[in-house]
């Protein structure tokens, strides 16, 4: 019976590891995108203020 459980563990391990690596990479990409959008919004707001334009409409969809 010990051999059954060790084989089961070794069979599942690669799938779990690949899933964790995929999750970590996707999490990093999403966090980087969020931070980049936040930084871009700050730069855009600063440039609009420098030019004397009103703040951007927050309700409009962005692409």
C-alpha atoms as a PDB file:
ATOM      1  CA  UNK A   1       0.000   0.000   0.000  1.00  0.00           C
ATOM      2  CA  UNK A   2       2.939   2.365   0.594  1.00  0.00           C
ATOM      3  CA  UNK A   3       3.970   2.042  -3.025  1.00  0.00           C
ATOM      4  CA  UNK A   4       0.485   3.055  -4.175  1.00  0.00           C
ATOM      5  CA  UNK A   5       0.536   6.330  -2.211  1.00  0.00           C
ATOM      6  CA  UNK A   6       4.089   7.201  -3.213  1.00  0.00           C
ATOM      7  CA  UNK A   7       3.217   6.581  -6.878  1.00  0.00           C
ATOM      8  CA  UNK A   8       0.095   8.695  -6.508  1.00  0.00           C
ATOM      9  CA  UNK A   9       2.114  11.517  -4.936  1.00  0.00           C
ATOM     10  CA  UNK A  10       4.782  11.392  -7.651  1.00  0.00           C
ATOM     11  CA  UNK A  11       2.062  11.364 -10.328  1.00  0.00           C
ATOM     12  CA  UNK A  12       0.358  14.482  -9.022  1.00  0.00           C
ATOM     13  CA  UNK A  13       3.479  16.472  -8.111  1.00  0.00           C
ATOM     14  CA  UNK A  14       4.419  17.684 -11.642  1.00  0.00           C
ATOM     15  CA  UNK A  15       0.873  18.889 -12.308  1.00  0.00           C
ATOM     16  CA  UNK A  16       0.735  20.780  -9.021  1.00  0.00           C
ATOM     17  CA  UNK A  17       4.159  22.345  -9.585  1.00  0.00           C
ATOM     18  CA  UNK A  18       3.328  23.463 -13.128  1.00  0.00           C
ATOM     19  CA  UNK A  19       0.025  24.868 -11.855  1.00  0.00           C
ATOM     20  CA  UNK A  20       1.804  26.824  -9.109  1.00  0.00           C
ATOM     21  CA  UNK A  21       4.363  28.194 -11.561  1.00  0.00           C
ATOM     22  CA  UNK A  22       1.575  29.224 -13.957  1.00  0.00           C
ATOM     23  CA  UNK A  23      -0.347  30.871 -11.110  1.00  0.00           C
ATOM     24  CA  UNK A  24       2.738  32.803  -9.959  1.00  0.00           C
ATOM     25  CA  UNK A  25       3.525  34.028 -13.483  1.00  0.00           C
ATOM     26  CA  UNK A  26      -0.068  35.123 -14.142  1.00  0.00           C
ATOM     27  CA  UNK A  27      -0.232  36.856 -10.747  1.00  0.00           C
ATOM     28  CA  UNK A  28       2.994  38.717 -11.551  1.00  0.00           C
ATOM     29  CA  UNK A  29       1.701  39.788 -14.971  1.00  0.00           C
ATOM     30  CA  UNK A  30      -1.582  41.042 -13.521  1.00  0.00           C
ATOM     31  CA  UNK A  31       0.157  42.960 -10.726  1.00  0.00           C
ATOM     32  CA  UNK A  32       2.633  44.495 -13.186  1.00  0.00           C
ATOM     33  CA  UNK A  33      -0.224  45.571 -15.469  1.00  0.00           C
ATOM     34  CA  UNK A  34      -2.106  47.100 -12.542  1.00  0.00           C
ATOM     35  CA  UNK A  35       0.967  49.027 -11.400  1.00  0.00           C
ATOM     36  CA  UNK A  36       1.729  50.195 -14.933  1.00  0.00           C
ATOM     37  CA  UNK A  37      -1.825  51.466 -15.419  1.00  0.00           C
ATOM     38  CA  UNK A  38      -1.645  53.301 -12.085  1.00  0.00           C
ATOM     39  CA  UNK A  39       1.677  54.927 -13.007  1.00  0.00           C
ATOM     40  CA  UNK A  40       0.362  55.887 -16.453  1.00  0.00           C
ATOM     41  CA  UNK A  41      -2.723  57.486 -14.884  1.00  0.00           C
ATOM     42  CA  UNK A  42      -0.513  59.511 -12.542  1.00  0.00           C
ATOM     43  CA  UNK A  43       1.678  60.706 -15.408  1.00  0.00           C
ATOM     44  CA  UNK A  44      -1.384  61.552 -17.489  1.00  0.00           C
ATOM     45  CA  UNK A  45      -2.942  63.490 -14.594  1.00  0.00           C
ATOM     46  CA  UNK A  46       0.290  65.420 -14.045  1.00  0.00           C
ATOM     47  CA  UNK A  47       0.545  66.280 -17.744  1.00  0.00           C
ATOM     48  CA  UNK A  48      -3.100  67.378 -17.899  1.00  0.00           C
ATOM     49  CA  UNK A  49      -2.563  69.582 -14.835  1.00  0.00           C
ATOM     50  CA  UNK A  50       0.612  71.028 -16.363  1.00  0.00           C
ATOM     51  CA  UNK A  51      -1.267  71.912 -19.554  1.00  0.00           C
ATOM     52  CA  UNK A  52      -4.181  73.399 -17.621  1.00  0.00           C
ATOM     53  CA  UNK A  53      -6.690  70.801 -18.813  1.00  0.00           C
ATOM     54  CA  UNK A  54      -9.482  69.450 -16.621  1.00  0.00           C
ATOM     55  CA  UNK A  55      -8.981  66.042 -15.009  1.00  0.00           C
ATOM     56  CA  UNK A  56      -9.762  63.048 -17.196  1.00  0.00           C
ATOM     57  CA  UNK A  57     -13.271  61.619 -16.907  1.00  0.00           C
ATOM     58  CA  UNK A  58     -12.976  58.508 -14.713  1.00  0.00           C
ATOM     59  CA  UNK A  59     -16.242  57.016 -16.011  1.00  0.00           C
ATOM     60  CA  UNK A  60     -15.113  56.745 -19.628  1.00  0.00           C
ATOM     61  CA  UNK A  61     -13.842  53.330 -20.709  1.00  0.00           C
ATOM     62  CA  UNK A  62     -10.152  53.024 -21.450  1.00  0.00           C
ATOM     63  CA  UNK A  63      -8.635  50.684 -23.973  1.00  0.00           C
END
